[in-house]
Full PDB file with SEQRES, HELIX, SHEET, SSBOND, CRYST1, ORIGX, SCALE, CONECT and MASTER records, all heavy atoms in Angstrom:
SEQRES   1 A   41  SER GLY GLY PRO GLN ALA GLN GLU PHE VAL LEU THR VAL          
SEQRES   2 A   41  ILE ASP ARG ASP ALA PRO GLY GLY GLN PHE VAL HIS TRP          
SEQRES   3 A   41  LEU VAL TRP GLY ILE PRO GLY SER VAL GLN GLY VAL ALA          
SEQRES   4 A   41  PRO GLU                                                      
SHEET    1 AA1 2 GLU A   8  ASP A  15  0                                        
SHEET    2 AA1 2 PHE A  23  PRO A  32 -1                                        
CRYST1    1.000    1.000    1.000  90.00  90.00  90.00 P 1           1          
ORIGX1      1.000000  0.000000  0.000000        0.00000                         
ORIGX2      0.000000  1.000000  0.000000        0.00000                         
ORIGX3      0.000000  0.000000  1.000000        0.00000                         
SCALE1      1.000000  0.000000  0.000000        0.00000                         
SCALE2      0.000000  1.000000  0.000000        0.00000                         
SCALE3      0.000000  0.000000  1.000000        0.00000                         
ATOM      1  N   SER A   1      83.915  42.483  41.234  1.00  0.00           N  
ATOM      2  CA  SER A   1      85.209  42.765  41.858  1.00  0.00           C  
ATOM      3  C   SER A   1      86.290  42.012  41.102  1.00  0.00           C  
ATOM      4  O   SER A   1      85.988  41.137  40.287  1.00  0.00           O  
ATOM      5  CB  SER A   1      85.184  42.330  43.328  1.00  0.00           C  
ATOM      6  OG  SER A   1      84.995  40.942  43.431  1.00  0.00           O  
ATOM      7  N   GLY A   2      87.527  42.362  41.402  1.00  0.00           N  
ATOM      8  CA  GLY A   2      88.646  41.729  40.722  1.00  0.00           C  
ATOM      9  C   GLY A   2      88.783  42.274  39.308  1.00  0.00           C  
ATOM     10  O   GLY A   2      88.171  43.248  38.943  1.00  0.00           O  
ATOM     11  N   GLY A   3      89.568  41.615  38.531  1.00  0.00           N  
ATOM     12  CA  GLY A   3      89.770  42.039  37.144  1.00  0.00           C  
ATOM     13  C   GLY A   3      90.749  43.184  37.036  1.00  0.00           C  
ATOM     14  O   GLY A   3      91.255  43.710  38.034  1.00  0.00           O  
ATOM     15  N   PRO A   4      91.007  43.599  35.823  1.00  0.00           N  
ATOM     16  CA  PRO A   4      91.974  44.677  35.590  1.00  0.00           C  
ATOM     17  C   PRO A   4      91.398  46.034  35.972  1.00  0.00           C  
ATOM     18  O   PRO A   4      90.196  46.207  36.096  1.00  0.00           O  
ATOM     19  CB  PRO A   4      92.202  44.595  34.074  1.00  0.00           C  
ATOM     20  CG  PRO A   4      90.924  44.058  33.535  1.00  0.00           C  
ATOM     21  CD  PRO A   4      90.428  43.086  34.580  1.00  0.00           C  
ATOM     22  N   GLN A   5      92.291  47.001  36.146  1.00  0.00           N  
ATOM     23  CA  GLN A   5      91.870  48.374  36.407  1.00  0.00           C  
ATOM     24  C   GLN A   5      91.217  48.917  35.135  1.00  0.00           C  
ATOM     25  O   GLN A   5      91.838  48.975  34.089  1.00  0.00           O  
ATOM     26  CB  GLN A   5      93.072  49.240  36.796  1.00  0.00           C  
ATOM     27  CG  GLN A   5      92.725  50.689  37.034  1.00  0.00           C  
ATOM     28  CD  GLN A   5      91.739  50.886  38.177  1.00  0.00           C  
ATOM     29  OE1 GLN A   5      91.866  50.257  39.220  1.00  0.00           O  
ATOM     30  NE2 GLN A   5      90.755  51.736  37.980  1.00  0.00           N  
ATOM     31  N   ALA A   6      89.959  49.284  35.227  1.00  0.00           N  
ATOM     32  CA  ALA A   6      89.207  49.752  34.067  1.00  0.00           C  
ATOM     33  C   ALA A   6      89.007  51.266  34.140  1.00  0.00           C  
ATOM     34  O   ALA A   6      88.935  51.843  35.224  1.00  0.00           O  
ATOM     35  CB  ALA A   6      87.862  49.051  33.991  1.00  0.00           C  
ATOM     36  N   GLN A   7      88.882  51.885  32.982  1.00  0.00           N  
ATOM     37  CA  GLN A   7      88.515  53.292  32.915  1.00  0.00           C  
ATOM     38  C   GLN A   7      86.999  53.462  32.904  1.00  0.00           C  
ATOM     39  O   GLN A   7      86.490  54.481  33.334  1.00  0.00           O  
ATOM     40  CB  GLN A   7      89.116  53.927  31.646  1.00  0.00           C  
ATOM     41  CG  GLN A   7      90.620  53.982  31.650  1.00  0.00           C  
ATOM     42  CD  GLN A   7      91.138  54.815  32.806  1.00  0.00           C  
ATOM     43  OE1 GLN A   7      90.734  55.951  33.004  1.00  0.00           O  
ATOM     44  NE2 GLN A   7      92.033  54.239  33.605  1.00  0.00           N  
ATOM     45  N   GLU A   8      86.318  52.426  32.398  1.00  0.00           N  
ATOM     46  CA  GLU A   8      84.863  52.468  32.287  1.00  0.00           C  
ATOM     47  C   GLU A   8      84.341  51.037  32.299  1.00  0.00           C  
ATOM     48  O   GLU A   8      85.033  50.121  31.866  1.00  0.00           O  
ATOM     49  CB  GLU A   8      84.458  53.143  30.972  1.00  0.00           C  
ATOM     50  CG  GLU A   8      82.979  53.163  30.699  1.00  0.00           C  
ATOM     51  CD  GLU A   8      82.618  53.797  29.359  1.00  0.00           C  
ATOM     52  OE1 GLU A   8      83.513  54.238  28.626  1.00  0.00           O  
ATOM     53  OE2 GLU A   8      81.424  53.837  29.058  1.00  0.00           O  
ATOM     54  N   PHE A   9      83.113  50.865  32.790  1.00  0.00           N  
ATOM     55  CA  PHE A   9      82.412  49.577  32.714  1.00  0.00           C  
ATOM     56  C   PHE A   9      81.142  49.744  31.899  1.00  0.00           C  
ATOM     57  O   PHE A   9      80.517  50.807  31.902  1.00  0.00           O  
ATOM     58  CB  PHE A   9      82.044  49.071  34.109  1.00  0.00           C  
ATOM     59  CG  PHE A   9      83.197  48.647  34.951  1.00  0.00           C  
ATOM     60  CD1 PHE A   9      83.649  49.449  35.990  1.00  0.00           C  
ATOM     61  CD2 PHE A   9      83.851  47.442  34.710  1.00  0.00           C  
ATOM     62  CE1 PHE A   9      84.708  49.063  36.781  1.00  0.00           C  
ATOM     63  CE2 PHE A   9      84.934  47.054  35.495  1.00  0.00           C  
ATOM     64  CZ  PHE A   9      85.357  47.857  36.531  1.00  0.00           C  
ATOM     65  N   VAL A  10      80.770  48.658  31.238  1.00  0.00           N  
ATOM     66  CA  VAL A  10      79.504  48.574  30.498  1.00  0.00           C  
ATOM     67  C   VAL A  10      78.817  47.308  30.979  1.00  0.00           C  
ATOM     68  O   VAL A  10      79.444  46.257  31.107  1.00  0.00           O  
ATOM     69  CB  VAL A  10      79.754  48.501  28.977  1.00  0.00           C  
ATOM     70  CG1 VAL A  10      78.474  48.209  28.226  1.00  0.00           C  
ATOM     71  CG2 VAL A  10      80.389  49.794  28.472  1.00  0.00           C  
ATOM     72  N   LEU A  11      77.518  47.404  31.236  1.00  0.00           N  
ATOM     73  CA  LEU A  11      76.722  46.266  31.703  1.00  0.00           C  
ATOM     74  C   LEU A  11      75.619  45.972  30.684  1.00  0.00           C  
ATOM     75  O   LEU A  11      74.926  46.886  30.251  1.00  0.00           O  
ATOM     76  CB  LEU A  11      76.085  46.585  33.060  1.00  0.00           C  
ATOM     77  CG  LEU A  11      75.095  45.571  33.625  1.00  0.00           C  
ATOM     78  CD1 LEU A  11      75.793  44.253  33.965  1.00  0.00           C  
ATOM     79  CD2 LEU A  11      74.389  46.147  34.847  1.00  0.00           C  
ATOM     80  N   THR A  12      75.479  44.699  30.317  1.00  0.00           N  
ATOM     81  CA  THR A  12      74.365  44.271  29.467  1.00  0.00           C  
ATOM     82  C   THR A  12      73.618  43.147  30.171  1.00  0.00           C  
ATOM     83  O   THR A  12      74.224  42.349  30.886  1.00  0.00           O  
ATOM     84  CB  THR A  12      74.838  43.782  28.086  1.00  0.00           C  
ATOM     85  OG1 THR A  12      75.639  42.603  28.248  1.00  0.00           O  
ATOM     86  CG2 THR A  12      75.645  44.845  27.352  1.00  0.00           C  
ATOM     87  N   VAL A  13      72.309  43.088  29.963  1.00  0.00           N  
ATOM     88  CA  VAL A  13      71.479  41.983  30.449  1.00  0.00           C  
ATOM     89  C   VAL A  13      70.650  41.510  29.267  1.00  0.00           C  
ATOM     90  O   VAL A  13      69.841  42.270  28.729  1.00  0.00           O  
ATOM     91  CB  VAL A  13      70.570  42.399  31.619  1.00  0.00           C  
ATOM     92  CG1 VAL A  13      69.742  41.207  32.095  1.00  0.00           C  
ATOM     93  CG2 VAL A  13      71.401  42.979  32.762  1.00  0.00           C  
ATOM     94  N   ILE A  14      70.884  40.253  28.874  1.00  0.00           N  
ATOM     95  CA  ILE A  14      70.271  39.726  27.650  1.00  0.00           C  
ATOM     96  C   ILE A  14      69.665  38.357  27.909  1.00  0.00           C  
ATOM     97  O   ILE A  14      70.307  37.489  28.515  1.00  0.00           O  
ATOM     98  CB  ILE A  14      71.320  39.654  26.527  1.00  0.00           C  
ATOM     99  CG1 ILE A  14      71.854  41.059  26.224  1.00  0.00           C  
ATOM    100  CG2 ILE A  14      70.753  38.996  25.278  1.00  0.00           C  
ATOM    101  CD1 ILE A  14      73.000  41.124  25.273  1.00  0.00           C  
ATOM    102  N   ASP A  15      68.437  38.168  27.418  1.00  0.00           N  
ATOM    103  CA  ASP A  15      67.766  36.871  27.442  1.00  0.00           C  
ATOM    104  C   ASP A  15      68.212  36.125  26.199  1.00  0.00           C  
ATOM    105  O   ASP A  15      67.889  36.507  25.083  1.00  0.00           O  
ATOM    106  CB  ASP A  15      66.250  37.067  27.442  1.00  0.00           C  
ATOM    107  CG  ASP A  15      65.455  35.774  27.388  1.00  0.00           C  
ATOM    108  OD1 ASP A  15      66.050  34.679  27.247  1.00  0.00           O  
ATOM    109  OD2 ASP A  15      64.223  35.849  27.475  1.00  0.00           O  
ATOM    110  N   ARG A  16      68.961  35.049  26.400  1.00  0.00           N  
ATOM    111  CA  ARG A  16      69.469  34.261  25.271  1.00  0.00           C  
ATOM    112  C   ARG A  16      68.464  33.222  24.788  1.00  0.00           C  
ATOM    113  O   ARG A  16      68.677  32.585  23.769  1.00  0.00           O  
ATOM    114  CB  ARG A  16      70.752  33.528  25.675  1.00  0.00           C  
ATOM    115  CG  ARG A  16      71.862  34.435  26.141  1.00  0.00           C  
ATOM    116  CD  ARG A  16      72.562  35.085  24.993  1.00  0.00           C  
ATOM    117  NE  ARG A  16      73.688  35.859  25.500  1.00  0.00           N  
ATOM    118  CZ  ARG A  16      74.189  36.883  24.874  1.00  0.00           C  
ATOM    119  NH1 ARG A  16      73.700  37.262  23.734  1.00  0.00           N  
ATOM    120  NH2 ARG A  16      75.206  37.539  25.388  1.00  0.00           N  
ATOM    121  N   ASP A  17      67.346  33.046  25.522  1.00  0.00           N  
ATOM    122  CA  ASP A  17      66.366  32.020  25.167  1.00  0.00           C  
ATOM    123  C   ASP A  17      65.092  32.607  24.555  1.00  0.00           C  
ATOM    124  O   ASP A  17      64.123  31.879  24.347  1.00  0.00           O  
ATOM    125  CB  ASP A  17      65.985  31.208  26.407  1.00  0.00           C  
ATOM    126  CG  ASP A  17      67.184  30.476  26.992  1.00  0.00           C  
ATOM    127  OD1 ASP A  17      67.950  29.901  26.207  1.00  0.00           O  
ATOM    128  OD2 ASP A  17      67.351  30.493  28.224  1.00  0.00           O  
ATOM    129  N   ALA A  18      65.083  33.887  24.266  1.00  0.00           N  
ATOM    130  CA  ALA A  18      63.888  34.522  23.696  1.00  0.00           C  
ATOM    131  C   ALA A  18      63.580  33.900  22.335  1.00  0.00           C  
ATOM    132  O   ALA A  18      64.491  33.532  21.586  1.00  0.00           O  
ATOM    133  CB  ALA A  18      64.126  36.020  23.555  1.00  0.00           C  
ATOM    134  N   PRO A  19      62.304  33.777  22.011  1.00  0.00           N  
ATOM    135  CA  PRO A  19      61.903  33.150  20.744  1.00  0.00           C  
ATOM    136  C   PRO A  19      62.552  33.754  19.506  1.00  0.00           C  
ATOM    137  O   PRO A  19      62.905  33.051  18.583  1.00  0.00           O  
ATOM    138  CB  PRO A  19      60.384  33.325  20.711  1.00  0.00           C  
ATOM    139  CG  PRO A  19      59.986  33.470  22.132  1.00  0.00           C  
ATOM    140  CD  PRO A  19      61.140  34.144  22.815  1.00  0.00           C  
ATOM    141  N   GLY A  20      62.756  35.068  19.465  1.00  0.00           N  
ATOM    142  CA  GLY A  20      63.338  35.715  18.307  1.00  0.00           C  
ATOM    143  C   GLY A  20      64.849  35.850  18.364  1.00  0.00           C  
ATOM    144  O   GLY A  20      65.447  36.555  17.563  1.00  0.00           O  
ATOM    145  N   GLY A  21      65.496  35.176  19.304  1.00  0.00           N  
ATOM    146  CA  GLY A  21      66.939  35.335  19.490  1.00  0.00           C  
ATOM    147  C   GLY A  21      67.204  36.171  20.719  1.00  0.00           C  
ATOM    148  O   GLY A  21      66.372  36.220  21.623  1.00  0.00           O  
ATOM    149  N   GLN A  22      68.337  36.850  20.781  1.00  0.00           N  
ATOM    150  CA  GLN A  22      68.659  37.604  21.993  1.00  0.00           C  
ATOM    151  C   GLN A  22      67.690  38.762  22.203  1.00  0.00           C  
ATOM    152  O   GLN A  22      67.297  39.439  21.251  1.00  0.00           O  
ATOM    153  CB  GLN A  22      70.101  38.069  21.994  1.00  0.00           C  
ATOM    154  CG  GLN A  22      70.443  39.132  20.988  1.00  0.00           C  
ATOM    155  CD  GLN A  22      71.924  39.477  21.064  1.00  0.00           C  
ATOM    156  OE1 GLN A  22      72.707  38.822  21.718  1.00  0.00           O  
ATOM    157  NE2 GLN A  22      72.313  40.514  20.380  1.00  0.00           N  
ATOM    158  N   PHE A  23      67.309  38.965  23.447  1.00  0.00           N  
ATOM    159  CA  PHE A  23      66.354  40.004  23.837  1.00  0.00           C  
ATOM    160  C   PHE A  23      67.013  40.841  24.917  1.00  0.00           C  
ATOM    161  O   PHE A  23      67.356  40.338  25.986  1.00  0.00           O  
ATOM    162  CB  PHE A  23      65.081  39.329  24.356  1.00  0.00           C  
ATOM    163  CG  PHE A  23      63.910  40.254  24.497  1.00  0.00           C  
ATOM    164  CD1 PHE A  23      62.993  40.393  23.473  1.00  0.00           C  
ATOM    165  CD2 PHE A  23      63.702  40.957  25.689  1.00  0.00           C  
ATOM    166  CE1 PHE A  23      61.883  41.222  23.605  1.00  0.00           C  
ATOM    167  CE2 PHE A  23      62.605  41.789  25.826  1.00  0.00           C  
ATOM    168  CZ  PHE A  23      61.696  41.925  24.786  1.00  0.00           C  
ATOM    169  N   VAL A  24      67.209  42.125  24.654  1.00  0.00           N  
ATOM    170  CA  VAL A  24      67.915  43.027  25.557  1.00  0.00           C  
ATOM    171  C   VAL A  24      66.965  43.514  26.667  1.00  0.00           C  
ATOM    172  O   VAL A  24      65.891  44.042  26.377  1.00  0.00           O  
ATOM    173  CB  VAL A  24      68.487  44.242  24.804  1.00  0.00           C  
ATOM    174  CG1 VAL A  24      69.159  45.224  25.749  1.00  0.00           C  
ATOM    175  CG2 VAL A  24      69.456  43.780  23.713  1.00  0.00           C  
ATOM    176  N   HIS A  25      67.389  43.320  27.910  1.00  0.00           N  
ATOM    177  CA  HIS A  25      66.608  43.809  29.054  1.00  0.00           C  
ATOM    178  C   HIS A  25      67.218  45.060  29.670  1.00  0.00           C  
ATOM    179  O   HIS A  25      66.490  45.844  30.270  1.00  0.00           O  
ATOM    180  CB  HIS A  25      66.490  42.708  30.123  1.00  0.00           C  
ATOM    181  CG  HIS A  25      65.513  41.662  29.740  1.00  0.00           C  
ATOM    182  ND1 HIS A  25      64.189  41.728  30.050  1.00  0.00           N  
ATOM    183  CD2 HIS A  25      65.672  40.524  29.017  1.00  0.00           C  
ATOM    184  CE1 HIS A  25      63.558  40.670  29.562  1.00  0.00           C  
ATOM    185  NE2 HIS A  25      64.450  39.927  28.924  1.00  0.00           N  
ATOM    186  N   TRP A  26      68.543  45.230  29.519  1.00  0.00           N  
ATOM    187  CA  TRP A  26      69.181  46.404  30.139  1.00  0.00           C  
ATOM    188  C   TRP A  26      70.537  46.632  29.510  1.00  0.00           C  
ATOM    189  O   TRP A  26      71.311  45.689  29.288  1.00  0.00           O  
ATOM    190  CB  TRP A  26      69.339  46.148  31.624  1.00  0.00           C  
ATOM    191  CG  TRP A  26      69.487  47.351  32.518  1.00  0.00           C  
ATOM    192  CD1 TRP A  26      69.169  48.644  32.256  1.00  0.00           C  
ATOM    193  CD2 TRP A  26      69.972  47.321  33.860  1.00  0.00           C  
ATOM    194  NE1 TRP A  26      69.422  49.426  33.349  1.00  0.00           N  
ATOM    195  CE2 TRP A  26      69.906  48.640  34.352  1.00  0.00           C  
ATOM    196  CE3 TRP A  26      70.440  46.310  34.695  1.00  0.00           C  
ATOM    197  CZ2 TRP A  26      70.308  48.983  35.646  1.00  0.00           C  
ATOM    198  CZ3 TRP A  26      70.836  46.632  35.983  1.00  0.00           C  
ATOM    199  CH2 TRP A  26      70.768  47.967  36.452  1.00  0.00           C  
ATOM    200  N   LEU A  27      70.833  47.888  29.238  1.00  0.00           N  
ATOM    201  CA  LEU A  27      72.160  48.344  28.788  1.00  0.00           C  
ATOM    202  C   LEU A  27      72.538  49.533  29.638  1.00  0.00           C  
ATOM    203  O   LEU A  27      71.769  50.490  29.751  1.00  0.00           O  
ATOM    204  CB  LEU A  27      72.109  48.828  27.336  1.00  0.00           C  
ATOM    205  CG  LEU A  27      71.763  47.847  26.239  1.00  0.00           C  
ATOM    206  CD1 LEU A  27      71.590  48.601  24.918  1.00  0.00           C  
ATOM    207  CD2 LEU A  27      72.857  46.815  26.105  1.00  0.00           C  
ATOM    208  N   VAL A  28      73.715  49.474  30.244  1.00  0.00           N  
ATOM    209  CA  VAL A  28      74.212  50.606  31.031  1.00  0.00           C  
ATOM    210  C   VAL A  28      75.671  50.817  30.639  1.00  0.00           C  
ATOM    211  O   VAL A  28      76.458  49.873  30.632  1.00  0.00           O  
ATOM    212  CB  VAL A  28      74.130  50.343  32.555  1.00  0.00           C  
ATOM    213  CG1 VAL A  28      74.576  51.578  33.332  1.00  0.00           C  
ATOM    214  CG2 VAL A  28      72.736  49.924  32.968  1.00  0.00           C  
ATOM    215  N   TRP A  29      76.025  52.043  30.327  1.00  0.00           N  
ATOM    216  CA  TRP A  29      77.411  52.367  29.999  1.00  0.00           C  
ATOM    217  C   TRP A  29      77.805  53.649  30.728  1.00  0.00           C  
ATOM    218  O   TRP A  29      76.979  54.273  31.386  1.00  0.00           O  
ATOM    219  CB  TRP A  29      77.612  52.523  28.488  1.00  0.00           C  
ATOM    220  CG  TRP A  29      76.858  53.670  27.904  1.00  0.00           C  
ATOM    221  CD1 TRP A  29      77.236  54.987  27.865  1.00  0.00           C  
ATOM    222  CD2 TRP A  29      75.566  53.617  27.294  1.00  0.00           C  
ATOM    223  NE1 TRP A  29      76.267  55.745  27.263  1.00  0.00           N  
ATOM    224  CE2 TRP A  29      75.237  54.933  26.901  1.00  0.00           C  
ATOM    225  CE3 TRP A  29      74.665  52.594  27.030  1.00  0.00           C  
ATOM    226  CZ2 TRP A  29      74.037  55.235  26.273  1.00  0.00           C  
ATOM    227  CZ3 TRP A  29      73.478  52.899  26.414  1.00  0.00           C  
ATOM    228  CH2 TRP A  29      73.184  54.194  26.028  1.00  0.00           C  
ATOM    229  N   GLY A  30      79.089  53.981  30.615  1.00  0.00           N  
ATOM    230  CA  GLY A  30      79.578  55.172  31.300  1.00  0.00           C  
ATOM    231  C   GLY A  30      79.735  54.965  32.795  1.00  0.00           C  
ATOM    232  O   GLY A  30      79.795  55.920  33.561  1.00  0.00           O  
ATOM    233  N   ILE A  31      79.793  53.703  33.227  1.00  0.00           N  
ATOM    234  CA  ILE A  31      79.997  53.407  34.645  1.00  0.00           C  
ATOM    235  C   ILE A  31      81.473  53.654  34.942  1.00  0.00           C  
ATOM    236  O   ILE A  31      82.339  53.029  34.334  1.00  0.00           O  
ATOM    237  CB  ILE A  31      79.615  51.949  34.965  1.00  0.00           C  
ATOM    238  CG1 ILE A  31      78.156  51.673  34.562  1.00  0.00           C  
ATOM    239  CG2 ILE A  31      79.848  51.660  36.447  1.00  0.00           C  
ATOM    240  CD1 ILE A  31      77.789  50.191  34.592  1.00  0.00           C  
ATOM    241  N   PRO A  32      81.796  54.594  35.849  1.00  0.00           N  
ATOM    242  CA  PRO A  32      83.204  54.900  36.118  1.00  0.00           C  
ATOM    243  C   PRO A  32      83.987  53.666  36.577  1.00  0.00           C  
ATOM    244  O   PRO A  32      83.458  52.785  37.249  1.00  0.00           O  
ATOM    245  CB  PRO A  32      83.120  55.929  37.248  1.00  0.00           C  
ATOM    246  CG  PRO A  32      81.749  56.513  37.134  1.00  0.00           C  
ATOM    247  CD  PRO A  32      80.878  55.397  36.648  1.00  0.00           C  
ATOM    248  N   GLY A  33      85.234  53.629  36.226  1.00  0.00           N  
ATOM    249  CA  GLY A  33      86.109  52.521  36.573  1.00  0.00           C  
ATOM    250  C   GLY A  33      86.292  52.325  38.075  1.00  0.00           C  
ATOM    251  O   GLY A  33      86.670  51.243  38.514  1.00  0.00           O  
ATOM    252  N   SER A  34      86.009  53.349  38.851  1.00  0.00           N  
ATOM    253  CA  SER A  34      86.136  53.244  40.319  1.00  0.00           C  
ATOM    254  C   SER A  34      84.913  52.598  40.965  1.00  0.00           C  
ATOM    255  O   SER A  34      84.936  52.273  42.141  1.00  0.00           O  
ATOM    256  CB  SER A  34      86.331  54.640  40.908  1.00  0.00           C  
ATOM    257  OG  SER A  34      85.215  55.469  40.581  1.00  0.00           O  
ATOM    258  N   VAL A  35      83.860  52.391  40.199  1.00  0.00           N  
ATOM    259  CA  VAL A  35      82.606  51.833  40.719  1.00  0.00           C  
ATOM    260  C   VAL A  35      82.640  50.310  40.594  1.00  0.00           C  
ATOM    261  O   VAL A  35      83.148  49.773  39.606  1.00  0.00           O  
ATOM    262  CB  VAL A  35      81.404  52.425  39.947  1.00  0.00           C  
ATOM    263  CG1 VAL A  35      80.111  51.744  40.312  1.00  0.00           C  
ATOM    264  CG2 VAL A  35      81.311  53.922  40.194  1.00  0.00           C  
ATOM    265  N   GLN A  36      82.097  49.620  41.583  1.00  0.00           N  
ATOM    266  CA  GLN A  36      82.081  48.153  41.550  1.00  0.00           C  
ATOM    267  C   GLN A  36      80.680  47.583  41.674  1.00  0.00           C  
ATOM    268  O   GLN A  36      80.488  46.477  42.160  1.00  0.00           O  
ATOM    269  CB  GLN A  36      82.979  47.601  42.649  1.00  0.00           C  
ATOM    270  CG  GLN A  36      84.428  47.910  42.408  1.00  0.00           C  
ATOM    271  CD  GLN A  36      85.328  47.230  43.406  1.00  0.00           C  
ATOM    272  OE1 GLN A  36      84.989  47.075  44.577  1.00  0.00           O  
ATOM    273  NE2 GLN A  36      86.484  46.810  42.951  1.00  0.00           N  
ATOM    274  N   GLY A  37      79.692  48.341  41.192  1.00  0.00           N  
ATOM    275  CA  GLY A  37      78.346  47.823  41.222  1.00  0.00           C  
ATOM    276  C   GLY A  37      77.312  48.845  40.803  1.00  0.00           C  
ATOM    277  O   GLY A  37      77.600  50.034  40.687  1.00  0.00           O  
ATOM    278  N   VAL A  38      76.123  48.324  40.541  1.00  0.00           N  
ATOM    279  CA  VAL A  38      74.993  49.162  40.167  1.00  0.00           C  
ATOM    280  C   VAL A  38      73.848  48.791  41.119  1.00  0.00           C  
ATOM    281  O   VAL A  38      73.476  47.628  41.214  1.00  0.00           O  
ATOM    282  CB  VAL A  38      74.578  48.912  38.703  1.00  0.00           C  
ATOM    283  CG1 VAL A  38      73.350  49.699  38.340  1.00  0.00           C  
ATOM    284  CG2 VAL A  38      75.725  49.243  37.760  1.00  0.00           C  
ATOM    285  N   ALA A  39      73.331  49.784  41.819  1.00  0.00           N  
ATOM    286  CA  ALA A  39      72.238  49.562  42.760  1.00  0.00           C  
ATOM    287  C   ALA A  39      70.895  49.848  42.078  1.00  0.00           C  
ATOM    288  O   ALA A  39      70.840  50.648  41.147  1.00  0.00           O  
ATOM    289  CB  ALA A  39      72.410  50.470  43.984  1.00  0.00           C  
ATOM    290  N   PRO A  40      69.828  49.225  42.551  1.00  0.00           N  
ATOM    291  CA  PRO A  40      68.541  49.443  41.923  1.00  0.00           C  
ATOM    292  C   PRO A  40      67.996  50.860  42.072  1.00  0.00           C  
ATOM    293  O   PRO A  40      67.210  51.308  41.250  1.00  0.00           O  
ATOM    294  CB  PRO A  40      67.601  48.440  42.600  1.00  0.00           C  
ATOM    295  CG  PRO A  40      68.322  47.862  43.733  1.00  0.00           C  
ATOM    296  CD  PRO A  40      69.770  48.220  43.602  1.00  0.00           C  
ATOM    297  N   GLU A  41      68.416  51.573  43.097  1.00  0.00           N  
ATOM    298  CA  GLU A  41      67.854  52.897  43.367  1.00  0.00           C  
ATOM    299  C   GLU A  41      68.329  53.968  42.384  1.00  0.00           C  
ATOM    300  O   GLU A  41      67.588  54.864  42.044  1.00  0.00           O  
ATOM    301  CB  GLU A  41      68.204  53.375  44.781  1.00  0.00           C  
ATOM    302  CG  GLU A  41      67.729  52.462  45.880  1.00  0.00           C  
ATOM    303  CD  GLU A  41      68.696  51.325  46.144  1.00  0.00           C  
ATOM    304  OE1 GLU A  41      69.922  51.489  45.999  1.00  0.00           O  
ATOM    305  OE2 GLU A  41      68.215  50.241  46.498  1.00  0.00           O  
TER     306      GLU A  41                                                      
MASTER        0    0    0    0    2    0    0    6  305    1    0    4          
END                                                                             
């Protein structure tokens, strides 16, 4: 919540402590600017 009015959101989830450096667990893009969350379902 909060922040500027966005046209789109992008979500990344990254393990910064992985032995080989950053390890990507999740990338989501194209989230409409009117949305304020991502549900597991």
